């Protein structure tokens, strides 16, 4: 099952993956804010408060994990952008040297 997910992710662009992770992170943050609001406004028993705090710590861990994944993907996206710019410069240089100069000769 994990290999199937990895194969599907390989076909997805880095920008799409970044968008997907940002949406998941926003959803986790919304759930975390809702849980914090609930812990402040409602009178909860000690057991319910502990369960809510455990849930909040799990959501915080998820947000941190998503932040790390986003950081990695943004680095990969930066590398792809630099590669694209390098190819564009190389193509322009190739055109100038071999095509544009031959027209002037």
PDB file of N, CA and C in Angstrom:
ATOM      1  N   UNK A   1       0.823  -1.198   0.000  1.00  0.00           N
ATOM      2  CA  UNK A   1       0.000   0.000   0.000  1.00  0.00           C
ATOM      3  C   UNK A   1       0.866   1.261   0.000  1.00  0.00           C
ATOM      4  N   UNK A   2       1.947   1.234   0.768  1.00  0.00           N
ATOM      5  CA  UNK A   2       2.821   2.400   0.829  1.00  0.00           C
ATOM      6  C   UNK A   2       3.486   2.644  -0.523  1.00  0.00           C
ATOM      7  N   UNK A   3       3.853   1.568  -1.221  1.00  0.00           N
ATOM      8  CA  UNK A   3       4.480   1.724  -2.527  1.00  0.00           C
ATOM      9  C   UNK A   3       3.516   2.342  -3.533  1.00  0.00           C
ATOM     10  N   UNK A   4       2.242   1.987  -3.425  1.00  0.00           N
ATOM     11  CA  UNK A   4       1.236   2.542  -4.316  1.00  0.00           C
ATOM     12  C   UNK A   4       1.107   4.049  -4.101  1.00  0.00           C
ATOM     13  N   UNK A   5       1.110   4.482  -2.836  1.00  0.00           N
ATOM     14  CA  UNK A   5       1.033   5.916  -2.535  1.00  0.00           C
ATOM     15  C   UNK A   5       2.258   6.644  -3.069  1.00  0.00           C
ATOM     16  N   UNK A   6       3.446   6.041  -2.892  1.00  0.00           N
ATOM     17  CA  UNK A   6       4.665   6.663  -3.388  1.00  0.00           C
ATOM     18  C   UNK A   6       4.637   6.804  -4.900  1.00  0.00           C
ATOM     19  N   UNK A   7       4.123   5.784  -5.600  1.00  0.00           N
ATOM     20  CA  UNK A   7       4.047   5.862  -7.064  1.00  0.00           C
ATOM     21  C   UNK A   7       3.085   6.953  -7.504  1.00  0.00           C
ATOM     22  N   UNK A   8       1.966   7.096  -6.777  1.00  0.00           N
ATOM     23  CA  UNK A   8       1.017   8.157  -7.111  1.00  0.00           C
ATOM     24  C   UNK A   8       1.640   9.522  -6.870  1.00  0.00           C
ATOM     25  N   UNK A   9       2.397   9.659  -5.786  1.00  0.00           N
ATOM     26  CA  UNK A   9       3.020  10.942  -5.469  1.00  0.00           C
ATOM     27  C   UNK A   9       4.101  11.311  -6.467  1.00  0.00           C
ATOM     28  N   UNK A  10       4.773  10.299  -7.045  1.00  0.00           N
ATOM     29  CA  UNK A  10       5.799  10.581  -8.030  1.00  0.00           C
ATOM     30  C   UNK A  10       5.219  11.270  -9.259  1.00  0.00           C
ATOM     31  N   UNK A  11       3.969  10.989  -9.570  1.00  0.00           N
ATOM     32  CA  UNK A  11       3.329  11.560 -10.749  1.00  0.00           C
ATOM     33  C   UNK A  11       2.787  12.961 -10.488  1.00  0.00           C
ATOM     34  N   UNK A  12       2.771  13.391  -9.239  1.00  0.00           N
ATOM     35  CA  UNK A  12       2.231  14.691  -8.866  1.00  0.00           C
ATOM     36  C   UNK A  12       3.369  15.708  -8.839  1.00  0.00           C
ATOM     37  N   UNK A  13       3.091  16.909  -9.323  1.00  0.00           N
ATOM     38  CA  UNK A  13       4.127  17.936  -9.326  1.00  0.00           C
ATOM     39  C   UNK A  13       4.428  18.400  -7.903  1.00  0.00           C
ATOM     40  N   UNK A  14       5.589  18.986  -7.744  1.00  0.00           N
ATOM     41  CA  UNK A  14       6.012  19.468  -6.432  1.00  0.00           C
ATOM     42  C   UNK A  14       5.069  20.573  -5.952  1.00  0.00           C
ATOM     43  N   UNK A  15       4.669  21.453  -6.855  1.00  0.00           N
ATOM     44  CA  UNK A  15       3.776  22.553  -6.478  1.00  0.00           C
ATOM     45  C   UNK A  15       2.421  22.026  -6.008  1.00  0.00           C
ATOM     46  N   UNK A  16       1.910  20.996  -6.674  1.00  0.00           N
ATOM     47  CA  UNK A  16       0.638  20.394  -6.272  1.00  0.00           C
ATOM     48  C   UNK A  16       0.760  19.748  -4.903  1.00  0.00           C
ATOM     49  N   UNK A  17       1.868  19.087  -4.681  1.00  0.00           N
ATOM     50  CA  UNK A  17       2.108  18.447  -3.379  1.00  0.00           C
ATOM     51  C   UNK A  17       2.218  19.506  -2.277  1.00  0.00           C
ATOM     52  N   UNK A  18       2.877  20.625  -2.576  1.00  0.00           N
ATOM     53  CA  UNK A  18       2.982  21.719  -1.605  1.00  0.00           C
ATOM     54  C   UNK A  18       1.595  22.250  -1.269  1.00  0.00           C
ATOM     55  N   UNK A  19       0.770  22.462  -2.289  1.00  0.00           N
ATOM     56  CA  UNK A  19      -0.595  22.942  -2.059  1.00  0.00           C
ATOM     57  C   UNK A  19      -1.392  21.973  -1.192  1.00  0.00           C
ATOM     58  N   UNK A  20      -1.260  20.680  -1.485  1.00  0.00           N
ATOM     59  CA  UNK A  20      -1.984  19.660  -0.726  1.00  0.00           C
ATOM     60  C   UNK A  20      -1.560  19.659   0.742  1.00  0.00           C
ATOM     61  N   UNK A  21      -0.253  19.761   0.982  1.00  0.00           N
ATOM     62  CA  UNK A  21       0.238  19.767   2.356  1.00  0.00           C
ATOM     63  C   UNK A  21      -0.162  21.045   3.094  1.00  0.00           C
ATOM     64  N   UNK A  22      -0.176  22.165   2.389  1.00  0.00           N
ATOM     65  CA  UNK A  22      -0.604  23.414   3.024  1.00  0.00           C
ATOM     66  C   UNK A  22      -2.078  23.356   3.429  1.00  0.00           C
ATOM     67  N   UNK A  23      -2.894  22.715   2.592  1.00  0.00           N
ATOM     68  CA  UNK A  23      -4.313  22.548   2.945  1.00  0.00           C
ATOM     69  C   UNK A  23      -4.462  21.660   4.176  1.00  0.00           C
ATOM     70  N   UNK A  24      -3.689  20.568   4.213  1.00  0.00           N
ATOM     71  CA  UNK A  24      -3.743  19.677   5.376  1.00  0.00           C
ATOM     72  C   UNK A  24      -3.274  20.395   6.634  1.00  0.00           C
ATOM     73  N   UNK A  25      -2.240  21.222   6.499  1.00  0.00           N
ATOM     74  CA  UNK A  25      -1.719  21.971   7.641  1.00  0.00           C
ATOM     75  C   UNK A  25      -2.761  22.966   8.139  1.00  0.00           C
ATOM     76  N   UNK A  26      -3.440  23.651   7.214  1.00  0.00           N
ATOM     77  CA  UNK A  26      -4.483  24.606   7.603  1.00  0.00           C
ATOM     78  C   UNK A  26      -5.620  23.889   8.322  1.00  0.00           C
ATOM     79  N   UNK A  27      -5.987  22.713   7.842  1.00  0.00           N
ATOM     80  CA  UNK A  27      -7.037  21.931   8.485  1.00  0.00           C
ATOM     81  C   UNK A  27      -6.625  21.521   9.896  1.00  0.00           C
ATOM     82  N   UNK A  28      -5.390  21.084  10.056  1.00  0.00           N
ATOM     83  CA  UNK A  28      -4.895  20.712  11.386  1.00  0.00           C
ATOM     84  C   UNK A  28      -4.884  21.917  12.326  1.00  0.00           C
ATOM     85  N   UNK A  29      -4.464  23.071  11.813  1.00  0.00           N
ATOM     86  CA  UNK A  29      -4.440  24.270  12.653  1.00  0.00           C
ATOM     87  C   UNK A  29      -5.860  24.679  13.061  1.00  0.00           C
ATOM     88  N   UNK A  30      -6.806  24.557  12.138  1.00  0.00           N
ATOM     89  CA  UNK A  30      -8.202  24.867  12.478  1.00  0.00           C
ATOM     90  C   UNK A  30      -8.709  23.935  13.576  1.00  0.00           C
ATOM     91  N   UNK A  31      -8.410  22.641  13.448  1.00  0.00           N
ATOM     92  CA  UNK A  31      -8.818  21.680  14.476  1.00  0.00           C
ATOM     93  C   UNK A  31      -8.153  21.988  15.808  1.00  0.00           C
ATOM     94  N   UNK A  32      -6.907  22.398  15.758  1.00  0.00           N
ATOM     95  CA  UNK A  32      -6.180  22.745  16.975  1.00  0.00           C
ATOM     96  C   UNK A  32      -6.796  23.972  17.643  1.00  0.00           C
ATOM     97  N   UNK A  33      -7.128  24.985  16.853  1.00  0.00           N
ATOM     98  CA  UNK A  33      -7.766  26.188  17.405  1.00  0.00           C
ATOM     99  C   UNK A  33      -9.127  25.861  18.010  1.00  0.00           C
ATOM    100  N   UNK A  34      -9.869  24.986  17.331  1.00  0.00           N
ATOM    101  CA  UNK A  34     -11.169  24.579  17.860  1.00  0.00           C
ATOM    102  C   UNK A  34     -11.015  23.873  19.205  1.00  0.00           C
ATOM    103  N   UNK A  35     -10.014  23.003  19.305  1.00  0.00           N
ATOM    104  CA  UNK A  35      -9.770  22.278  20.550  1.00  0.00           C
ATOM    105  C   UNK A  35      -9.324  23.233  21.658  1.00  0.00           C
ATOM    106  N   UNK A  36      -8.477  24.207  21.325  1.00  0.00           N
ATOM    107  CA  UNK A  36      -8.050  25.195  22.323  1.00  0.00           C
ATOM    108  C   UNK A  36      -9.228  26.034  22.797  1.00  0.00           C
ATOM    109  N   UNK A  37     -10.084  26.432  21.875  1.00  0.00           N
ATOM    110  CA  UNK A  37     -11.272  27.204  22.240  1.00  0.00           C
ATOM    111  C   UNK A  37     -12.165  26.384  23.172  1.00  0.00           C
ATOM    112  N   UNK A  38     -12.340  25.124  22.830  1.00  0.00           N
ATOM    113  CA  UNK A  38     -13.171  24.239  23.654  1.00  0.00           C
ATOM    114  C   UNK A  38     -12.588  24.096  25.051  1.00  0.00           C
ATOM    115  N   UNK A  39     -11.276  23.979  25.152  1.00  0.00           N
ATOM    116  CA  UNK A  39     -10.653  23.808  26.466  1.00  0.00           C
ATOM    117  C   UNK A  39     -10.781  25.070  27.318  1.00  0.00           C
ATOM    118  N   UNK A  40     -10.838  26.239  26.673  1.00  0.00           N
ATOM    119  CA  UNK A  40     -10.971  27.487  27.425  1.00  0.00           C
ATOM    120  C   UNK A  40     -12.413  27.769  27.829  1.00  0.00           C
ATOM    121  N   UNK A  41     -13.346  27.518  26.935  1.00  0.00           N
ATOM    122  CA  UNK A  41     -14.726  27.954  27.147  1.00  0.00           C
ATOM    123  C   UNK A  41     -15.596  26.947  27.893  1.00  0.00           C
ATOM    124  N   UNK A  42     -15.346  25.666  27.682  1.00  0.00           N
ATOM    125  CA  UNK A  42     -16.219  24.664  28.295  1.00  0.00           C
ATOM    126  C   UNK A  42     -15.632  24.163  29.602  1.00  0.00           C
ATOM    127  N   UNK A  43     -16.522  23.806  30.498  1.00  0.00           N
ATOM    128  CA  UNK A  43     -16.088  23.192  31.749  1.00  0.00           C
ATOM    129  C   UNK A  43     -15.987  21.699  31.514  1.00  0.00           C
ATOM    130  N   UNK A  44     -14.758  21.217  31.562  1.00  0.00           N
ATOM    131  CA  UNK A  44     -14.501  19.821  31.263  1.00  0.00           C
ATOM    132  C   UNK A  44     -14.029  19.097  32.518  1.00  0.00           C
ATOM    133  N   UNK A  45     -14.351  17.812  32.565  1.00  0.00           N
ATOM    134  CA  UNK A  45     -13.826  17.005  33.661  1.00  0.00           C
ATOM    135  C   UNK A  45     -12.330  16.820  33.447  1.00  0.00           C
ATOM    136  N   UNK A  46     -11.661  16.355  34.471  1.00  0.00           N
ATOM    137  CA  UNK A  46     -10.205  16.161  34.373  1.00  0.00           C
ATOM    138  C   UNK A  46      -9.859  15.174  33.259  1.00  0.00           C
ATOM    139  N   UNK A  47     -10.642  14.117  33.133  1.00  0.00           N
ATOM    140  CA  UNK A  47     -10.398  13.117  32.094  1.00  0.00           C
ATOM    141  C   UNK A  47     -10.598  13.718  30.702  1.00  0.00           C
ATOM    142  N   UNK A  48     -11.686  14.478  30.521  1.00  0.00           N
ATOM    143  CA  UNK A  48     -11.949  15.104  29.222  1.00  0.00           C
ATOM    144  C   UNK A  48     -10.871  16.121  28.879  1.00  0.00           C
ATOM    145  N   UNK A  49     -10.421  16.872  29.875  1.00  0.00           N
ATOM    146  CA  UNK A  49      -9.363  17.863  29.652  1.00  0.00           C
ATOM    147  C   UNK A  49      -8.065  17.163  29.238  1.00  0.00           C
ATOM    148  N   UNK A  50      -7.748  16.053  29.890  1.00  0.00           N
ATOM    149  CA  UNK A  50      -6.536  15.309  29.543  1.00  0.00           C
ATOM    150  C   UNK A  50      -6.632  14.742  28.132  1.00  0.00           C
ATOM    151  N   UNK A  51      -7.787  14.210  27.756  1.00  0.00           N
ATOM    152  CA  UNK A  51      -7.979  13.694  26.403  1.00  0.00           C
ATOM    153  C   UNK A  51      -7.834  14.809  25.371  1.00  0.00           C
ATOM    154  N   UNK A  52      -8.378  15.977  25.699  1.00  0.00           N
ATOM    155  CA  UNK A  52      -8.281  17.120  24.796  1.00  0.00           C
ATOM    156  C   UNK A  52      -6.826  17.581  24.661  1.00  0.00           C
ATOM    157  N   UNK A  53      -6.100  17.598  25.754  1.00  0.00           N
ATOM    158  CA  UNK A  53      -4.687  17.984  25.696  1.00  0.00           C
ATOM    159  C   UNK A  53      -3.876  16.974  24.895  1.00  0.00           C
ATOM    160  N   UNK A  54      -4.195  15.683  25.040  1.00  0.00           N
ATOM    161  CA  UNK A  54      -3.515  14.658  24.250  1.00  0.00           C
ATOM    162  C   UNK A  54      -3.794  14.854  22.762  1.00  0.00           C
ATOM    163  N   UNK A  55      -5.047  15.144  22.442  1.00  0.00           N
ATOM    164  CA  UNK A  55      -5.434  15.399  21.050  1.00  0.00           C
ATOM    165  C   UNK A  55      -4.703  16.621  20.507  1.00  0.00           C
ATOM    166  N   UNK A  56      -4.598  17.655  21.337  1.00  0.00           N
ATOM    167  CA  UNK A  56      -3.908  18.873  20.910  1.00  0.00           C
ATOM    168  C   UNK A  56      -2.422  18.608  20.679  1.00  0.00           C
ATOM    169  N   UNK A  57      -1.804  17.790  21.514  1.00  0.00           N
ATOM    170  CA  UNK A  57      -0.381  17.494  21.321  1.00  0.00           C
ATOM    171  C   UNK A  57      -0.167  16.684  20.040  1.00  0.00           C
ATOM    172  N   UNK A  58      -1.098  15.771  19.741  1.00  0.00           N
ATOM    173  CA  UNK A  58      -1.009  15.006  18.489  1.00  0.00           C
ATOM    174  C   UNK A  58      -1.131  15.944  17.292  1.00  0.00           C
ATOM    175  N   UNK A  59      -2.065  16.891  17.365  1.00  0.00           N
ATOM    176  CA  UNK A  59      -2.242  17.836  16.257  1.00  0.00           C
ATOM    177  C   UNK A  59      -1.011  18.732  16.108  1.00  0.00           C
ATOM    178  N   UNK A  60      -0.402  19.132  17.217  1.00  0.00           N
ATOM    179  CA  UNK A  60       0.828  19.932  17.146  1.00  0.00           C
ATOM    180  C   UNK A  60       1.947  19.150  16.469  1.00  0.00           C
ATOM    181  N   UNK A  61       2.057  17.872  16.788  1.00  0.00           N
ATOM    182  CA  UNK A  61       3.065  17.027  16.150  1.00  0.00           C
ATOM    183  C   UNK A  61       2.810  16.907  14.650  1.00  0.00           C
ATOM    184  N   UNK A  62       1.539  16.778  14.274  1.00  0.00           N
ATOM    185  CA  UNK A  62       1.200  16.697  12.844  1.00  0.00           C
ATOM    186  C   UNK A  62       1.579  17.980  12.122  1.00  0.00           C
ATOM    187  N   UNK A  63       1.286  19.122  12.744  1.00  0.00           N
ATOM    188  CA  UNK A  63       1.623  20.409  12.131  1.00  0.00           C
ATOM    189  C   UNK A  63       3.136  20.525  11.962  1.00  0.00           C
ATOM    190  N   UNK A  64       3.897  20.115  12.971  1.00  0.00           N
ATOM    191  CA  UNK A  64       5.358  20.170  12.872  1.00  0.00           C
ATOM    192  C   UNK A  64       5.870  19.245  11.773  1.00  0.00           C
ATOM    193  N   UNK A  65       5.281  18.058  11.667  1.00  0.00           N
ATOM    194  CA  UNK A  65       5.675  17.113  10.626  1.00  0.00           C
ATOM    195  C   UNK A  65       5.373  17.686   9.242  1.00  0.00           C
ATOM    196  N   UNK A  66       4.200  18.302   9.096  1.00  0.00           N
ATOM    197  CA  UNK A  66       3.836  18.914   7.821  1.00  0.00           C
ATOM    198  C   UNK A  66       4.769  20.069   7.490  1.00  0.00           C
ATOM    199  N   UNK A  67       5.170  20.850   8.508  1.00  0.00           N
ATOM    200  CA  UNK A  67       6.123  21.943   8.281  1.00  0.00           C
ATOM    201  C   UNK A  67       7.443  21.413   7.735  1.00  0.00           C
ATOM    202  N   UNK A  68       7.921  20.302   8.291  1.00  0.00           N
ATOM    203  CA  UNK A  68       9.177  19.714   7.811  1.00  0.00           C
ATOM    204  C   UNK A  68       9.035  19.230   6.374  1.00  0.00           C
ATOM    205  N   UNK A  69       7.917  18.586   6.069  1.00  0.00           N
ATOM    206  CA  UNK A  69       7.693  18.114   4.701  1.00  0.00           C
ATOM    207  C   UNK A  69       7.609  19.286   3.732  1.00  0.00           C
ATOM    208  N   UNK A  70       6.921  20.354   4.151  1.00  0.00           N
ATOM    209  CA  UNK A  70       6.813  21.538   3.300  1.00  0.00           C
ATOM    210  C   UNK A  70       8.178  22.168   3.056  1.00  0.00           C
ATOM    211  N   UNK A  71       8.994  22.213   4.084  1.00  0.00           N
ATOM    212  CA  UNK A  71      10.333  22.779   3.941  1.00  0.00           C
ATOM    213  C   UNK A  71      11.145  21.972   2.926  1.00  0.00           C
ATOM    214  N   UNK A  72      11.047  20.663   3.010  1.00  0.00           N
ATOM    215  CA  UNK A  72      11.750  19.788   2.068  1.00  0.00           C
ATOM    216  C   UNK A  72      11.242  20.010   0.643  1.00  0.00           C
ATOM    217  N   UNK A  73       9.931  20.048   0.479  1.00  0.00           N
ATOM    218  CA  UNK A  73       9.360  20.235  -0.851  1.00  0.00           C
ATOM    219  C   UNK A  73       9.688  21.613  -1.425  1.00  0.00           C
ATOM    220  N   UNK A  74       9.697  22.623  -0.583  1.00  0.00           N
ATOM    221  CA  UNK A  74      10.047  23.963  -1.074  1.00  0.00           C
ATOM    222  C   UNK A  74      11.505  24.004  -1.531  1.00  0.00           C
ATOM    223  N   UNK A  75      12.377  23.290  -0.819  1.00  0.00           N
ATOM    224  CA  UNK A  75      13.774  23.198  -1.256  1.00  0.00           C
ATOM    225  C   UNK A  75      13.877  22.505  -2.602  1.00  0.00           C
ATOM    226  N   UNK A  76      13.115  21.431  -2.775  1.00  0.00           N
ATOM    227  CA  UNK A  76      13.100  20.719  -4.052  1.00  0.00           C
ATOM    228  C   UNK A  76      12.540  21.613  -5.160  1.00  0.00           C
ATOM    229  N   UNK A  77      11.514  22.385  -4.833  1.00  0.00           N
ATOM    230  CA  UNK A  77      10.918  23.299  -5.803  1.00  0.00           C
ATOM    231  C   UNK A  77      11.931  24.375  -6.210  1.00  0.00           C
ATOM    232  N   UNK A  78      12.719  24.863  -5.251  1.00  0.00           N
ATOM    233  CA  UNK A  78      13.745  25.854  -5.544  1.00  0.00           C
ATOM    234  C   UNK A  78      14.791  25.272  -6.506  1.00  0.00           C
ATOM    235  N   UNK A  79      15.199  24.022  -6.246  1.00  0.00           N
ATOM    236  CA  UNK A  79      16.172  23.374  -7.139  1.00  0.00           C
ATOM    237  C   UNK A  79      15.614  23.239  -8.551  1.00  0.00           C
ATOM    238  N   UNK A  80      14.353  22.841  -8.657  1.00  0.00           N
ATOM    239  CA  UNK A  80      13.719  22.713  -9.977  1.00  0.00           C
ATOM    240  C   UNK A  80      13.665  24.050 -10.701  1.00  0.00           C
ATOM    241  N   UNK A  81      13.363  25.115  -9.963  1.00  0.00           N
ATOM    242  CA  UNK A  81      13.300  26.443 -10.563  1.00  0.00           C
ATOM    243  C   UNK A  81      14.673  26.866 -11.068  1.00  0.00           C
ATOM    244  N   UNK A  82      15.715  26.618 -10.264  1.00  0.00           N
ATOM    245  CA  UNK A  82      17.073  26.972 -10.693  1.00  0.00           C
ATOM    246  C   UNK A  82      17.493  26.179 -11.923  1.00  0.00           C
ATOM    247  N   UNK A  83      17.113  24.915 -11.973  1.00  0.00           N
ATOM    248  CA  UNK A  83      17.409  24.092 -13.146  1.00  0.00           C
ATOM    249  C   UNK A  83      16.700  24.644 -14.384  1.00  0.00           C
ATOM    250  N   UNK A  84      15.461  25.059 -14.219  1.00  0.00           N
ATOM    251  CA  UNK A  84      14.702  25.629 -15.344  1.00  0.00           C
ATOM    252  C   UNK A  84      15.347  26.907 -15.843  1.00  0.00           C
ATOM    253  N   UNK A  85      15.767  27.753 -14.920  1.00  0.00           N
ATOM    254  CA  UNK A  85      16.417  29.008 -15.316  1.00  0.00           C
ATOM    255  C   UNK A  85      17.741  28.719 -16.020  1.00  0.00           C
ATOM    256  N   UNK A  86      18.497  27.748 -15.503  1.00  0.00           N
ATOM    257  CA  UNK A  86      19.770  27.390 -16.137  1.00  0.00           C
ATOM    258  C   UNK A  86      19.544  26.872 -17.562  1.00  0.00           C
ATOM    259  N   UNK A  87      18.505  26.047 -17.744  1.00  0.00           N
ATOM    260  CA  UNK A  87      18.193  25.546 -19.090  1.00  0.00           C
ATOM    261  C   UNK A  87      17.765  26.682 -20.019  1.00  0.00           C
ATOM    262  N   UNK A  88      17.014  27.626 -19.496  1.00  0.00           N
ATOM    263  CA  UNK A  88      16.597  28.774 -20.302  1.00  0.00           C
ATOM    264  C   UNK A  88      17.809  29.597 -20.733  1.00  0.00           C
ATOM    265  N   UNK A  89      18.713  29.853 -19.815  1.00  0.00           N
ATOM    266  CA  UNK A  89      19.925  30.616 -20.141  1.00  0.00           C
ATOM    267  C   UNK A  89      20.771  29.860 -21.162  1.00  0.00           C
ATOM    268  N   UNK A  90      20.916  28.557 -20.966  1.00  0.00           N
ATOM    269  CA  UNK A  90      21.679  27.740 -21.912  1.00  0.00           C
ATOM    270  C   UNK A  90      21.038  27.775 -23.299  1.00  0.00           C
ATOM    271  N   UNK A  91      19.724  27.673 -23.350  1.00  0.00           N
ATOM    272  CA  UNK A  91      19.016  27.712 -24.640  1.00  0.00           C
ATOM    273  C   UNK A  91      19.196  29.060 -25.316  1.00  0.00           C
ATOM    274  N   UNK A  92      19.096  30.145 -24.549  1.00  0.00           N
ATOM    275  CA  UNK A  92      19.277  31.483 -25.114  1.00  0.00           C
ATOM    276  C   UNK A  92      20.700  31.659 -25.620  1.00  0.00           C
ATOM    277  N   UNK A  93      21.658  31.159 -24.853  1.00  0.00           N
ATOM    278  CA  UNK A  93      23.055  31.248 -25.277  1.00  0.00           C
ATOM    279  C   UNK A  93      23.291  30.430 -26.542  1.00  0.00           C
ATOM    280  N   UNK A  94      22.754  29.242 -26.606  1.00  0.00           N
ATOM    281  CA  UNK A  94      22.860  28.384 -27.793  1.00  0.00           C
ATOM    282  C   UNK A  94      22.253  29.091 -29.006  1.00  0.00           C
ATOM    283  N   UNK A  95      21.081  29.676 -28.829  1.00  0.00           N
ATOM    284  CA  UNK A  95      20.425  30.387 -29.928  1.00  0.00           C
ATOM    285  C   UNK A  95      21.289  31.549 -30.401  1.00  0.00           C
ATOM    286  N   UNK A  96      21.802  32.313 -29.452  1.00  0.00           N
ATOM    287  CA  UNK A  96      22.609  33.477 -29.822  1.00  0.00           C
ATOM    288  C   UNK A  96      23.867  33.066 -30.573  1.00  0.00           C
ATOM    289  N   UNK A  97      24.542  32.035 -30.083  1.00  0.00           N
ATOM    290  CA  UNK A  97      25.816  31.630 -30.690  1.00  0.00           C
ATOM    291  C   UNK A  97      25.608  30.988 -32.051  1.00  0.00           C
ATOM    292  N   UNK A  98      24.684  30.039 -32.165  1.00  0.00           N
ATOM    293  CA  UNK A  98      24.575  29.255 -33.385  1.00  0.00           C
ATOM    294  C   UNK A  98      23.534  29.765 -34.382  1.00  0.00           C
ATOM    295  N   UNK A  99      22.502  30.397 -33.930  1.00  0.00           N
ATOM    296  CA  UNK A  99      21.452  30.822 -34.847  1.00  0.00           C
ATOM    297  C   UNK A  99      21.570  32.306 -35.157  1.00  0.00           C
ATOM    298  N   UNK A 100      21.637  33.130 -34.158  1.00  0.00           N
ATOM    299  CA  UNK A 100      21.634  34.570 -34.352  1.00  0.00           C
ATOM    300  C   UNK A 100      22.917  35.036 -35.029  1.00  0.00           C
ATOM    301  N   UNK A 101      24.070  34.491 -34.609  1.00  0.00           N
ATOM    302  CA  UNK A 101      25.362  34.899 -35.215  1.00  0.00           C
ATOM    303  C   UNK A 101      25.472  34.436 -36.649  1.00  0.00           C
ATOM    304  N   UNK A 102      24.900  33.287 -37.013  1.00  0.00           N
ATOM    305  CA  UNK A 102      24.986  32.822 -38.384  1.00  0.00           C
ATOM    306  C   UNK A 102      24.179  33.696 -39.320  1.00  0.00           C
ATOM    307  N   UNK A 103      23.090  34.274 -38.795  1.00  0.00           N
ATOM    308  CA  UNK A 103      22.275  35.158 -39.625  1.00  0.00           C
ATOM    309  C   UNK A 103      23.036  36.444 -39.951  1.00  0.00           C
ATOM    310  N   UNK A 104      23.882  36.906 -39.052  1.00  0.00           N
ATOM    311  CA  UNK A 104      24.633  38.131 -39.278  1.00  0.00           C
ATOM    312  C   UNK A 104      25.802  37.924 -40.231  1.00  0.00           C
ATOM    313  N   UNK A 105      26.281  36.685 -40.352  1.00  0.00           N
ATOM    314  CA  UNK A 105      27.476  36.415 -41.193  1.00  0.00           C
ATOM    315  C   UNK A 105      27.178  36.474 -42.659  1.00  0.00           C
TER     316      UNK A 105
END
